Amino acid sequence: LLDDISYAATGAGCEILKADFQDEVDSEFYAEKPIQIEVTGGYHQIARFVSRVSRLPRIVTLHNFEITLQGGDVPTSPGEKMLLMSITAKTYRSDTEE
């Protein structure tokens, strides 16, 4: 999963600064595995990253995002400033016994 998310970021022109796996959360029928991610890029690059994550072959949902301006006035392209997005990605697996 981390490789898929890294590939999505790279393909969108973003850079992942941090990806921390958090403790798995069990539910009655499934378990969710959250990953706290920090990614940098321009507005359109971050939008492409989110779009690429939505098209991954496994279910990944994005939660609790925060986007802030990073590094003052450093542009990523003409008219676009560098942003930092902090987001929690969650993936799921079945928790049923055969």
PDB file of N, CA and C in Angstrom:
ATOM      1  N   LEU A   1       0.829  -1.193   0.000  1.00  0.00           N
ATOM      2  CA  LEU A   1       0.000   0.000   0.000  1.00  0.00           C
ATOM      3  C   LEU A   1       0.871   1.254   0.000  1.00  0.00           C
ATOM      4  N   LEU A   2       1.909   1.247   0.833  1.00  0.00           N
ATOM      5  CA  LEU A   2       2.780   2.421   0.886  1.00  0.00           C
ATOM      6  C   LEU A   2       3.448   2.657  -0.467  1.00  0.00           C
ATOM      7  N   ASP A   3       3.825   1.585  -1.162  1.00  0.00           N
ATOM      8  CA  ASP A   3       4.396   1.731  -2.501  1.00  0.00           C
ATOM      9  C   ASP A   3       3.390   2.363  -3.460  1.00  0.00           C
ATOM     10  N   ASP A   4       2.127   1.928  -3.385  1.00  0.00           N
ATOM     11  CA  ASP A   4       1.088   2.490  -4.250  1.00  0.00           C
ATOM     12  C   ASP A   4       0.885   3.972  -3.970  1.00  0.00           C
ATOM     13  N   ILE A   5       0.859   4.346  -2.687  1.00  0.00           N
ATOM     14  CA  ILE A   5       0.670   5.753  -2.320  1.00  0.00           C
ATOM     15  C   ILE A   5       1.878   6.583  -2.747  1.00  0.00           C
ATOM     16  N   SER A   6       3.073   6.036  -2.571  1.00  0.00           N
ATOM     17  CA  SER A   6       4.289   6.735  -3.016  1.00  0.00           C
ATOM     18  C   SER A   6       4.289   6.931  -4.528  1.00  0.00           C
ATOM     19  N   TYR A   7       3.858   5.904  -5.250  1.00  0.00           N
ATOM     20  CA  TYR A   7       3.786   5.992  -6.708  1.00  0.00           C
ATOM     21  C   TYR A   7       2.765   7.048  -7.126  1.00  0.00           C
ATOM     22  N   ALA A   8       1.631   7.111  -6.419  1.00  0.00           N
ATOM     23  CA  ALA A   8       0.610   8.127  -6.712  1.00  0.00           C
ATOM     24  C   ALA A   8       1.166   9.526  -6.485  1.00  0.00           C
ATOM     25  N   ALA A   9       1.927   9.709  -5.411  1.00  0.00           N
ATOM     26  CA  ALA A   9       2.514  11.016  -5.110  1.00  0.00           C
ATOM     27  C   ALA A   9       3.545  11.411  -6.163  1.00  0.00           C
ATOM     28  N   THR A  10       4.424  10.498  -6.497  1.00  0.00           N
ATOM     29  CA  THR A  10       5.466  10.777  -7.479  1.00  0.00           C
ATOM     30  C   THR A  10       4.857  11.096  -8.843  1.00  0.00           C
ATOM     31  N   GLY A  11       3.875  10.319  -9.247  1.00  0.00           N
ATOM     32  CA  GLY A  11       3.214  10.543 -10.527  1.00  0.00           C
ATOM     33  C   GLY A  11       2.485  11.866 -10.596  1.00  0.00           C
ATOM     34  N   ALA A  12       2.062  12.373  -9.443  1.00  0.00           N
ATOM     35  CA  ALA A  12       1.356  13.655  -9.392  1.00  0.00           C
ATOM     36  C   ALA A  12       2.320  14.827  -9.242  1.00  0.00           C
ATOM     37  N   GLY A  13       3.609  14.549  -9.040  1.00  0.00           N
ATOM     38  CA  GLY A  13       4.588  15.625  -8.857  1.00  0.00           C
ATOM     39  C   GLY A  13       4.721  16.080  -7.415  1.00  0.00           C
ATOM     40  N   CYS A  14       4.238  15.275  -6.476  1.00  0.00           N
ATOM     41  CA  CYS A  14       4.313  15.605  -5.048  1.00  0.00           C
ATOM     42  C   CYS A  14       5.470  14.848  -4.392  1.00  0.00           C
ATOM     43  N   GLU A  15       5.757  15.251  -3.177  1.00  0.00           N
ATOM     44  CA  GLU A  15       6.785  14.566  -2.390  1.00  0.00           C
ATOM     45  C   GLU A  15       6.189  14.187  -1.039  1.00  0.00           C
ATOM     46  N   ILE A  16       6.352  12.919  -0.663  1.00  0.00           N
ATOM     47  CA  ILE A  16       5.885  12.472   0.647  1.00  0.00           C
ATOM     48  C   ILE A  16       6.980  12.756   1.665  1.00  0.00           C
ATOM     49  N   LEU A  17       6.651  13.543   2.674  1.00  0.00           N
ATOM     50  CA  LEU A  17       7.607  13.866   3.732  1.00  0.00           C
ATOM     51  C   LEU A  17       7.544  12.861   4.871  1.00  0.00           C
ATOM     52  N   LYS A  18       6.335  12.333   5.117  1.00  0.00           N
ATOM     53  CA  LYS A  18       6.166  11.410   6.235  1.00  0.00           C
ATOM     54  C   LYS A  18       5.017  10.466   5.927  1.00  0.00           C
ATOM     55  N   ALA A  19       5.181   9.201   6.295  1.00  0.00           N
ATOM     56  CA  ALA A  19       4.116   8.206   6.197  1.00  0.00           C
ATOM     57  C   ALA A  19       4.262   7.280   7.401  1.00  0.00           C
ATOM     58  N   ASP A  20       3.420   7.474   8.396  1.00  0.00           N
ATOM     59  CA  ASP A  20       3.483   6.689   9.633  1.00  0.00           C
ATOM     60  C   ASP A  20       2.265   5.787   9.749  1.00  0.00           C
ATOM     61  N   PHE A  21       2.525   4.479   9.821  1.00  0.00           N
ATOM     62  CA  PHE A  21       1.440   3.537  10.059  1.00  0.00           C
ATOM     63  C   PHE A  21       1.006   3.656  11.508  1.00  0.00           C
ATOM     64  N   GLN A  22      -0.308   3.685  11.727  1.00  0.00           N
ATOM     65  CA  GLN A  22      -0.854   3.756  13.078  1.00  0.00           C
ATOM     66  C   GLN A  22      -1.476   2.416  13.432  1.00  0.00           C
ATOM     67  N   ASP A  23      -1.861   2.253  14.685  1.00  0.00           N
ATOM     68  CA  ASP A  23      -2.420   0.984  15.150  1.00  0.00           C
ATOM     69  C   ASP A  23      -3.706   0.653  14.398  1.00  0.00           C
ATOM     70  N   GLU A  24      -3.848  -0.624  14.101  1.00  0.00           N
ATOM     71  CA  GLU A  24      -5.041  -1.112  13.426  1.00  0.00           C
ATOM     72  C   GLU A  24      -6.254  -0.992  14.351  1.00  0.00           C
ATOM     73  N   VAL A  25      -7.395  -0.648  13.770  1.00  0.00           N
ATOM     74  CA  VAL A  25      -8.635  -0.499  14.531  1.00  0.00           C
ATOM     75  C   VAL A  25      -9.590  -1.603  14.095  1.00  0.00           C
ATOM     76  N   ASP A  26     -10.002  -2.449  15.049  1.00  0.00           N
ATOM     77  CA  ASP A  26     -10.896  -3.560  14.732  1.00  0.00           C
ATOM     78  C   ASP A  26     -12.357  -3.145  14.840  1.00  0.00           C
ATOM     79  N   SER A  27     -13.142  -3.704  13.936  1.00  0.00           N
ATOM     80  CA  SER A  27     -14.583  -3.520  13.926  1.00  0.00           C
ATOM     81  C   SER A  27     -15.198  -4.912  13.907  1.00  0.00           C
ATOM     82  N   GLU A  28     -16.524  -4.999  13.878  1.00  0.00           N
ATOM     83  CA  GLU A  28     -17.169  -6.309  13.896  1.00  0.00           C
ATOM     84  C   GLU A  28     -16.845  -7.131  12.649  1.00  0.00           C
ATOM     85  N   PHE A  29     -16.811  -6.488  11.477  1.00  0.00           N
ATOM     86  CA  PHE A  29     -16.628  -7.216  10.227  1.00  0.00           C
ATOM     87  C   PHE A  29     -15.326  -6.903   9.480  1.00  0.00           C
ATOM     88  N   TYR A  30     -14.635  -5.874   9.897  1.00  0.00           N
ATOM     89  CA  TYR A  30     -13.418  -5.485   9.189  1.00  0.00           C
ATOM     90  C   TYR A  30     -12.445  -4.818  10.160  1.00  0.00           C
ATOM     91  N   ALA A  31     -11.225  -4.666   9.691  1.00  0.00           N
ATOM     92  CA  ALA A  31     -10.205  -3.920  10.436  1.00  0.00           C
ATOM     93  C   ALA A  31      -9.712  -2.805   9.525  1.00  0.00           C
ATOM     94  N   GLU A  32      -9.471  -1.636  10.113  1.00  0.00           N
ATOM     95  CA  GLU A  32      -8.947  -0.531   9.317  1.00  0.00           C
ATOM     96  C   GLU A  32      -7.527  -0.215   9.757  1.00  0.00           C
ATOM     97  N   LYS A  33      -6.691   0.074   8.776  1.00  0.00           N
ATOM     98  CA  LYS A  33      -5.289   0.389   9.020  1.00  0.00           C
ATOM     99  C   LYS A  33      -5.053   1.832   8.603  1.00  0.00           C
ATOM    100  N   PRO A  34      -4.938   2.772   9.571  1.00  0.00           N
ATOM    101  CA  PRO A  34      -4.695   4.172   9.216  1.00  0.00           C
ATOM    102  C   PRO A  34      -3.202   4.460   8.984  1.00  0.00           C
ATOM    103  N   ILE A  35      -2.955   5.362   8.070  1.00  0.00           N
ATOM    104  CA  ILE A  35      -1.599   5.829   7.778  1.00  0.00           C
ATOM    105  C   ILE A  35      -1.641   7.355   7.787  1.00  0.00           C
ATOM    106  N   GLN A  36      -0.834   7.984   8.628  1.00  0.00           N
ATOM    107  CA  GLN A  36      -0.739   9.444   8.660  1.00  0.00           C
ATOM    108  C   GLN A  36       0.299   9.866   7.623  1.00  0.00           C
ATOM    109  N   ILE A  37      -0.113  10.722   6.691  1.00  0.00           N
ATOM    110  CA  ILE A  37       0.745  11.105   5.566  1.00  0.00           C
ATOM    111  C   ILE A  37       0.904  12.620   5.530  1.00  0.00           C
ATOM    112  N   GLU A  38       2.118  13.075   5.250  1.00  0.00           N
ATOM    113  CA  GLU A  38       2.384  14.480   4.946  1.00  0.00           C
ATOM    114  C   GLU A  38       2.984  14.529   3.552  1.00  0.00           C
ATOM    115  N   VAL A  39       2.374  15.324   2.687  1.00  0.00           N
ATOM    116  CA  VAL A  39       2.805  15.419   1.302  1.00  0.00           C
ATOM    117  C   VAL A  39       2.882  16.893   0.908  1.00  0.00           C
ATOM    118  N   THR A  40       3.874  17.244   0.087  1.00  0.00           N
ATOM    119  CA  THR A  40       4.012  18.621  -0.382  1.00  0.00           C
ATOM    120  C   THR A  40       3.843  18.681  -1.893  1.00  0.00           C
ATOM    121  N   GLY A  41       3.384  19.832  -2.354  1.00  0.00           N
ATOM    122  CA  GLY A  41       3.216  20.062  -3.778  1.00  0.00           C
ATOM    123  C   GLY A  41       2.360  21.296  -3.986  1.00  0.00           C
ATOM    124  N   GLY A  42       2.152  21.638  -5.212  1.00  0.00           N
ATOM    125  CA  GLY A  42       1.267  22.736  -5.546  1.00  0.00           C
ATOM    126  C   GLY A  42      -0.183  22.284  -5.463  1.00  0.00           C
ATOM    127  N   TYR A  43      -1.094  23.229  -5.577  1.00  0.00           N
ATOM    128  CA  TYR A  43      -2.523  22.940  -5.481  1.00  0.00           C
ATOM    129  C   TYR A  43      -2.943  21.847  -6.471  1.00  0.00           C
ATOM    130  N   HIS A  44      -2.567  22.011  -7.724  1.00  0.00           N
ATOM    131  CA  HIS A  44      -2.961  21.047  -8.748  1.00  0.00           C
ATOM    132  C   HIS A  44      -2.244  19.704  -8.571  1.00  0.00           C
ATOM    133  N   GLN A  45      -1.015  19.733  -8.082  1.00  0.00           N
ATOM    134  CA  GLN A  45      -0.297  18.484  -7.826  1.00  0.00           C
ATOM    135  C   GLN A  45      -0.966  17.700  -6.705  1.00  0.00           C
ATOM    136  N   ILE A  46      -1.373  18.379  -5.648  1.00  0.00           N
ATOM    137  CA  ILE A  46      -2.057  17.705  -4.540  1.00  0.00           C
ATOM    138  C   ILE A  46      -3.397  17.154  -5.009  1.00  0.00           C
ATOM    139  N   ALA A  47      -4.096  17.899  -5.843  1.00  0.00           N
ATOM    140  CA  ALA A  47      -5.368  17.410  -6.392  1.00  0.00           C
ATOM    141  C   ALA A  47      -5.143  16.148  -7.227  1.00  0.00           C
ATOM    142  N   ARG A  48      -4.080  16.124  -8.027  1.00  0.00           N
ATOM    143  CA  ARG A  48      -3.759  14.922  -8.816  1.00  0.00           C
ATOM    144  C   ARG A  48      -3.410  13.753  -7.909  1.00  0.00           C
ATOM    145  N   PHE A  49      -2.697  14.013  -6.809  1.00  0.00           N
ATOM    146  CA  PHE A  49      -2.349  12.962  -5.849  1.00  0.00           C
ATOM    147  C   PHE A  49      -3.626  12.339  -5.270  1.00  0.00           C
ATOM    148  N   VAL A  50      -4.561  13.167  -4.817  1.00  0.00           N
ATOM    149  CA  VAL A  50      -5.816  12.661  -4.246  1.00  0.00           C
ATOM    150  C   VAL A  50      -6.573  11.852  -5.301  1.00  0.00           C
ATOM    151  N   SER A  51      -6.598  12.338  -6.537  1.00  0.00           N
ATOM    152  CA  SER A  51      -7.270  11.626  -7.625  1.00  0.00           C
ATOM    153  C   SER A  51      -6.618  10.263  -7.875  1.00  0.00           C
ATOM    154  N   ARG A  52      -5.301  10.211  -7.862  1.00  0.00           N
ATOM    155  CA  ARG A  52      -4.592   8.944  -8.086  1.00  0.00           C
ATOM    156  C   ARG A  52      -4.849   7.956  -6.954  1.00  0.00           C
ATOM    157  N   VAL A  53      -4.897   8.452  -5.710  1.00  0.00           N
ATOM    158  CA  VAL A  53      -5.188   7.567  -4.573  1.00  0.00           C
ATOM    159  C   VAL A  53      -6.596   6.991  -4.723  1.00  0.00           C
ATOM    160  N   SER A  54      -7.538   7.792  -5.207  1.00  0.00           N
ATOM    161  CA  SER A  54      -8.919   7.310  -5.360  1.00  0.00           C
ATOM    162  C   SER A  54      -9.027   6.195  -6.399  1.00  0.00           C
ATOM    163  N   ARG A  55      -8.046   6.098  -7.290  1.00  0.00           N
ATOM    164  CA  ARG A  55      -8.072   5.077  -8.342  1.00  0.00           C
ATOM    165  C   ARG A  55      -7.217   3.857  -8.025  1.00  0.00           C
ATOM    166  N   LEU A  56      -6.698   3.758  -6.804  1.00  0.00           N
ATOM    167  CA  LEU A  56      -5.897   2.585  -6.442  1.00  0.00           C
ATOM    168  C   LEU A  56      -6.769   1.329  -6.467  1.00  0.00           C
ATOM    169  N   PRO A  57      -6.165   0.167  -6.713  1.00  0.00           N
ATOM    170  CA  PRO A  57      -6.961  -1.061  -6.816  1.00  0.00           C
ATOM    171  C   PRO A  57      -7.606  -1.511  -5.496  1.00  0.00           C
ATOM    172  N   ARG A  58      -7.099  -1.071  -4.368  1.00  0.00           N
ATOM    173  CA  ARG A  58      -7.732  -1.421  -3.095  1.00  0.00           C
ATOM    174  C   ARG A  58      -8.436  -0.188  -2.540  1.00  0.00           C
ATOM    175  N   ILE A  59      -9.374  -0.405  -1.637  1.00  0.00           N
ATOM    176  CA  ILE A  59     -10.134   0.709  -1.071  1.00  0.00           C
ATOM    177  C   ILE A  59      -9.248   1.503  -0.117  1.00  0.00           C
ATOM    178  N   VAL A  60      -9.093   2.789  -0.405  1.00  0.00           N
ATOM    179  CA  VAL A  60      -8.356   3.710   0.460  1.00  0.00           C
ATOM    180  C   VAL A  60      -9.227   4.955   0.609  1.00  0.00           C
ATOM    181  N   THR A  61      -9.563   5.293   1.857  1.00  0.00           N
ATOM    182  CA  THR A  61     -10.337   6.506   2.102  1.00  0.00           C
ATOM    183  C   THR A  61      -9.432   7.532   2.764  1.00  0.00           C
ATOM    184  N   LEU A  62      -9.710   8.803   2.517  1.00  0.00           N
ATOM    185  CA  LEU A  62      -8.887   9.889   3.045  1.00  0.00           C
ATOM    186  C   LEU A  62      -9.692  10.690   4.061  1.00  0.00           C
ATOM    187  N   HIS A  63      -9.067  10.988   5.210  1.00  0.00           N
ATOM    188  CA  HIS A  63      -9.756  11.628   6.324  1.00  0.00           C
ATOM    189  C   HIS A  63      -8.884  12.725   6.936  1.00  0.00           C
ATOM    190  N   ASN A  64      -9.528  13.629   7.659  1.00  0.00           N
ATOM    191  CA  ASN A  64      -8.861  14.613   8.520  1.00  0.00           C
ATOM    192  C   ASN A  64      -7.734  15.367   7.815  1.00  0.00           C
ATOM    193  N   PHE A  65      -8.020  15.916   6.654  1.00  0.00           N
ATOM    194  CA  PHE A  65      -6.947  16.606   5.937  1.00  0.00           C
ATOM    195  C   PHE A  65      -6.813  18.049   6.394  1.00  0.00           C
ATOM    196  N   GLU A  66      -5.596  18.529   6.304  1.00  0.00           N
ATOM    197  CA  GLU A  66      -5.277  19.928   6.596  1.00  0.00           C
ATOM    198  C   GLU A  66      -4.246  20.369   5.573  1.00  0.00           C
ATOM    199  N   ILE A  67      -4.514  21.480   4.922  1.00  0.00           N
ATOM    200  CA  ILE A  67      -3.595  22.009   3.908  1.00  0.00           C
ATOM    201  C   ILE A  67      -3.115  23.371   4.367  1.00  0.00           C
ATOM    202  N   THR A  68      -1.792  23.549   4.392  1.00  0.00           N
ATOM    203  CA  THR A  68      -1.200  24.819   4.809  1.00  0.00           C
ATOM    204  C   THR A  68      -0.158  25.260   3.787  1.00  0.00           C
ATOM    205  N   LEU A  69       0.090  26.552   3.758  1.00  0.00           N
ATOM    206  CA  LEU A  69       1.130  27.119   2.908  1.00  0.00           C
ATOM    207  C   LEU A  69       2.477  26.754   3.504  1.00  0.00           C
ATOM    208  N   GLN A  70       3.398  26.308   2.664  1.00  0.00           N
ATOM    209  CA  GLN A  70       4.718  25.904   3.152  1.00  0.00           C
ATOM    210  C   GLN A  70       5.801  26.760   2.523  1.00  0.00           C
ATOM    211  N   GLY A  71       6.761  27.126   3.329  1.00  0.00           N
ATOM    212  CA  GLY A  71       7.961  27.771   2.820  1.00  0.00           C
ATOM    213  C   GLY A  71       7.771  29.154   2.233  1.00  0.00           C
ATOM    214  N   GLY A  72       6.772  29.874   2.675  1.00  0.00           N
ATOM    215  CA  GLY A  72       6.617  31.251   2.204  1.00  0.00           C
ATOM    216  C   GLY A  72       6.189  31.331   0.760  1.00  0.00           C
ATOM    217  N   ASP A  73       6.953  32.032  -0.059  1.00  0.00           N
ATOM    218  CA  ASP A  73       6.563  32.303  -1.441  1.00  0.00           C
ATOM    219  C   ASP A  73       7.324  31.459  -2.457  1.00  0.00           C
ATOM    220  N   VAL A  74       7.592  30.201  -2.153  1.00  0.00           N
ATOM    221  CA  VAL A  74       8.301  29.342  -3.096  1.00  0.00           C
ATOM    222  C   VAL A  74       7.290  28.756  -4.075  1.00  0.00           C
ATOM    223  N   PRO A  75       7.309  29.183  -5.341  1.00  0.00           N
ATOM    224  CA  PRO A  75       6.323  28.667  -6.293  1.00  0.00           C
ATOM    225  C   PRO A  75       6.715  27.282  -6.814  1.00  0.00           C
ATOM    226  N   THR A  76       5.694  26.435  -7.097  1.00  0.00           N
ATOM    227  CA  THR A  76       5.941  25.146  -7.726  1.00  0.00           C
ATOM    228  C   THR A  76       5.855  25.275  -9.235  1.00  0.00           C
ATOM    229  N   SER A  77       5.069  26.215  -9.688  1.00  0.00           N
ATOM    230  CA  SER A  77       4.948  26.570 -11.096  1.00  0.00           C
ATOM    231  C   SER A  77       4.433  28.011 -11.115  1.00  0.00           C
ATOM    232  N   PRO A  78       4.419  28.654 -12.259  1.00  0.00           N
ATOM    233  CA  PRO A  78       3.987  30.050 -12.278  1.00  0.00           C
ATOM    234  C   PRO A  78       2.625  30.248 -11.604  1.00  0.00           C
ATOM    235  N   GLY A  79       2.608  31.090 -10.586  1.00  0.00           N
ATOM    236  CA  GLY A  79       1.372  31.409  -9.885  1.00  0.00           C
ATOM    237  C   GLY A  79       0.902  30.390  -8.869  1.00  0.00           C
ATOM    238  N   GLU A  80       1.666  29.335  -8.634  1.00  0.00           N
ATOM    239  CA  GLU A  80       1.242  28.283  -7.711  1.00  0.00           C
ATOM    240  C   GLU A  80       2.279  28.128  -6.598  1.00  0.00           C
ATOM    241  N   LYS A  81       1.837  28.211  -5.340  1.00  0.00           N
ATOM    242  CA  LYS A  81       2.743  28.133  -4.202  1.00  0.00           C
ATOM    243  C   LYS A  81       2.801  26.720  -3.639  1.00  0.00           C
ATOM    244  N   MET A  82       3.876  26.420  -2.922  1.00  0.00           N
ATOM    245  CA  MET A  82       4.077  25.113  -2.317  1.00  0.00           C
ATOM    246  C   MET A  82       3.160  24.958  -1.105  1.00  0.00           C
ATOM    247  N   LEU A  83       2.441  23.831  -1.053  1.00  0.00           N
ATOM    248  CA  LEU A  83       1.524  23.536   0.032  1.00  0.00           C
ATOM    249  C   LEU A  83       1.959  22.270   0.754  1.00  0.00           C
ATOM    250  N   LEU A  84       1.535  22.145   1.995  1.00  0.00           N
ATOM    251  CA  LEU A  84       1.758  20.939   2.795  1.00  0.00           C
ATOM    252  C   LEU A  84       0.392  20.388   3.169  1.00  0.00           C
ATOM    253  N   MET A  85       0.136  19.135   2.800  1.00  0.00           N
ATOM    254  CA  MET A  85      -1.121  18.493   3.173  1.00  0.00           C
ATOM    255  C   MET A  85      -0.831  17.376   4.161  1.00  0.00           C
ATOM    256  N   SER A  86      -1.505  17.427   5.285  1.00  0.00           N
ATOM    257  CA  SER A  86      -1.460  16.375   6.287  1.00  0.00           C
ATOM    258  C   SER A  86      -2.800  15.654   6.211  1.00  0.00           C
ATOM    259  N   ILE A  87      -2.766  14.331   6.051  1.00  0.00           N
ATOM    260  CA  ILE A  87      -3.999  13.579   5.819  1.00  0.00           C
ATOM    261  C   ILE A  87      -3.857  12.174   6.387  1.00  0.00           C
ATOM    262  N   THR A  88      -4.976  11.592   6.775  1.00  0.00           N
ATOM    263  CA  THR A  88      -4.986  10.212   7.237  1.00  0.00           C
ATOM    264  C   THR A  88      -5.623   9.354   6.146  1.00  0.00           C
ATOM    265  N   ALA A  89      -4.878   8.392   5.651  1.00  0.00           N
ATOM    266  CA  ALA A  89      -5.395   7.432   4.677  1.00  0.00           C
ATOM    267  C   ALA A  89      -5.740   6.153   5.438  1.00  0.00           C
ATOM    268  N   LYS A  90      -6.879   5.577   5.121  1.00  0.00           N
ATOM    269  CA  LYS A  90      -7.282   4.331   5.773  1.00  0.00           C
ATOM    270  C   LYS A  90      -7.562   3.282   4.723  1.00  0.00           C
ATOM    271  N   THR A  91      -7.044   2.085   4.965  1.00  0.00           N
ATOM    272  CA  THR A  91      -7.358   0.940   4.122  1.00  0.00           C
ATOM    273  C   THR A  91      -7.999  -0.116   5.013  1.00  0.00           C
ATOM    274  N   TYR A  92      -8.674  -1.046   4.393  1.00  0.00           N
ATOM    275  CA  TYR A  92      -9.504  -1.993   5.134  1.00  0.00           C
ATOM    276  C   TYR A  92      -9.202  -3.420   4.732  1.00  0.00           C
ATOM    277  N   ARG A  93      -9.450  -4.337   5.668  1.00  0.00           N
ATOM    278  CA  ARG A  93      -9.356  -5.757   5.351  1.00  0.00           C
ATOM    279  C   ARG A  93     -10.473  -6.478   6.100  1.00  0.00           C
ATOM    280  N   SER A  94     -10.892  -7.581   5.531  1.00  0.00           N
ATOM    281  CA  SER A  94     -11.951  -8.385   6.127  1.00  0.00           C
ATOM    282  C   SER A  94     -11.450  -8.981   7.436  1.00  0.00           C
ATOM    283  N   ASP A  95     -12.313  -9.036   8.421  1.00  0.00           N
ATOM    284  CA  ASP A  95     -11.928  -9.568   9.728  1.00  0.00           C
ATOM    285  C   ASP A  95     -12.795 -10.777  10.093  1.00  0.00           C
ATOM    286  N   THR A  96     -13.237 -11.507   9.068  1.00  0.00           N
ATOM    287  CA  THR A  96     -14.069 -12.674   9.318  1.00  0.00           C
ATOM    288  C   THR A  96     -13.224 -13.930   9.363  1.00  0.00           C
ATOM    289  N   GLU A  97     -13.675 -14.885  10.154  1.00  0.00           N
ATOM    290  CA  GLU A  97     -12.983 -16.176  10.234  1.00  0.00           C
ATOM    291  C   GLU A  97     -13.688 -17.163   9.336  1.00  0.00           C
ATOM    292  N   GLU A  98     -12.929 -18.012   8.700  1.00  0.00           N
ATOM    293  CA  GLU A  98     -13.493 -19.023   7.797  1.00  0.00           C
ATOM    294  C   GLU A  98     -14.188 -20.104   8.586  1.00  0.00           C
TER     295      GLU A  98
END
